[in-house]
Amino acid sequence: MRAIGFYLLLPFLYFFSVLPMFVLRGISNVLRFFLKNVGGYRKEVVYRNLHNAFPYKTAAEIKVIADDFYVYLCDTLMETIKSFTISDKKLARWCRITNFDIVQEQIDKGRNVMFVLGHYGNWEWGGGALAKRTPMPLKAAYKPLSNPYFERLMYKSRTRLSIFLIPKRKLLSHLLDHQQGQTLLVMIADQSPNPKEHHWVKFVRQDTAVVTGMEKIARQYDYVVVYSTIHRIKRNQYEIRFRMLEENPQRLQPVELTQRFMRMLEEDIDQDPAPYLWSHRRWKLKMPAV
């Protein structure tokens, strides 16, 4: 049944993908109305996350952020569909890269570079735009989708944007097998962690369990770590900016690199909260009572 549903849907996805962006914005507006006001998609989760993250904001202010979040969420869905057929020229125009000299300097030194980012902005477009800019393959750890048909579709979409995908469960073995060559690696590092292995930090005003795998890889394989943020300039337009997180991770105390990353991500969220993935059950782990 999954195969039948997928192949019935596939022509419509590609039809939407070739539509002009202004038409997709209109579709996004309609989808947003049904998603938020009719279906109430994860509305309780979104509002709970926002109230906990911004306890000093009024209910009216929270509603403004939530409304803007649903705009961003539906736009991102349309942008992801657009990725199936987007040209390199349009991708570069709609997702611009600034201050790449910070990264290029490290590449010229022969260093391994790790780009770390959160679930903020359109990371699908951001990864593709960055992969088109880098002088060597950009590797990305990812979690395969459970539906094998949509997994193949997304794999095809991402790799056509020049991203070299590595399933998360195979990442460590891949890095071990390829540690002799220079590597550029991108990692989304703000996922909800394994209940058995995590560290606690303060993030957007609440105790938050975080993964530390990014930091361990950076230490073991001597990566320069660059914080990458995908700022939303306006609807369907983004700008990627870079900040040096650490050139020598081995010199830092345990979890210091992770704490720095979460602080930088928090700064971006405070500046423009809507493009964060508030519908994700990010805070399902609770700090044990002392």
Foldseek 3Di string as FASTA:
>chain_A
DLVVVCVVCVVVLLVLLPDDLVVLLVVLVVVLCCCCVPVNQLVVLLLVLQCQLCVPDDPVVSVVLVSLLSSQVSLLVSVLSNLLPDDLVVLCFQEPEPPCVVVVVCVVVQFAAEEEEALFHNVLSVLLNVQVVDPDQEEEEDAADPSVSVSVSSVNSSVVSRHHYDYPVCVVVVCVVPLVHHHHYYYHWQAQDDPVDFDWDQASNDTFTTDCPVLVVCQVSVHFYKYWHWADPDRSHTYIYIDGLGNGSNVDDPCPSVRSNRVVNRVRCVVRVSRHPSSDNRRPDDDDDD
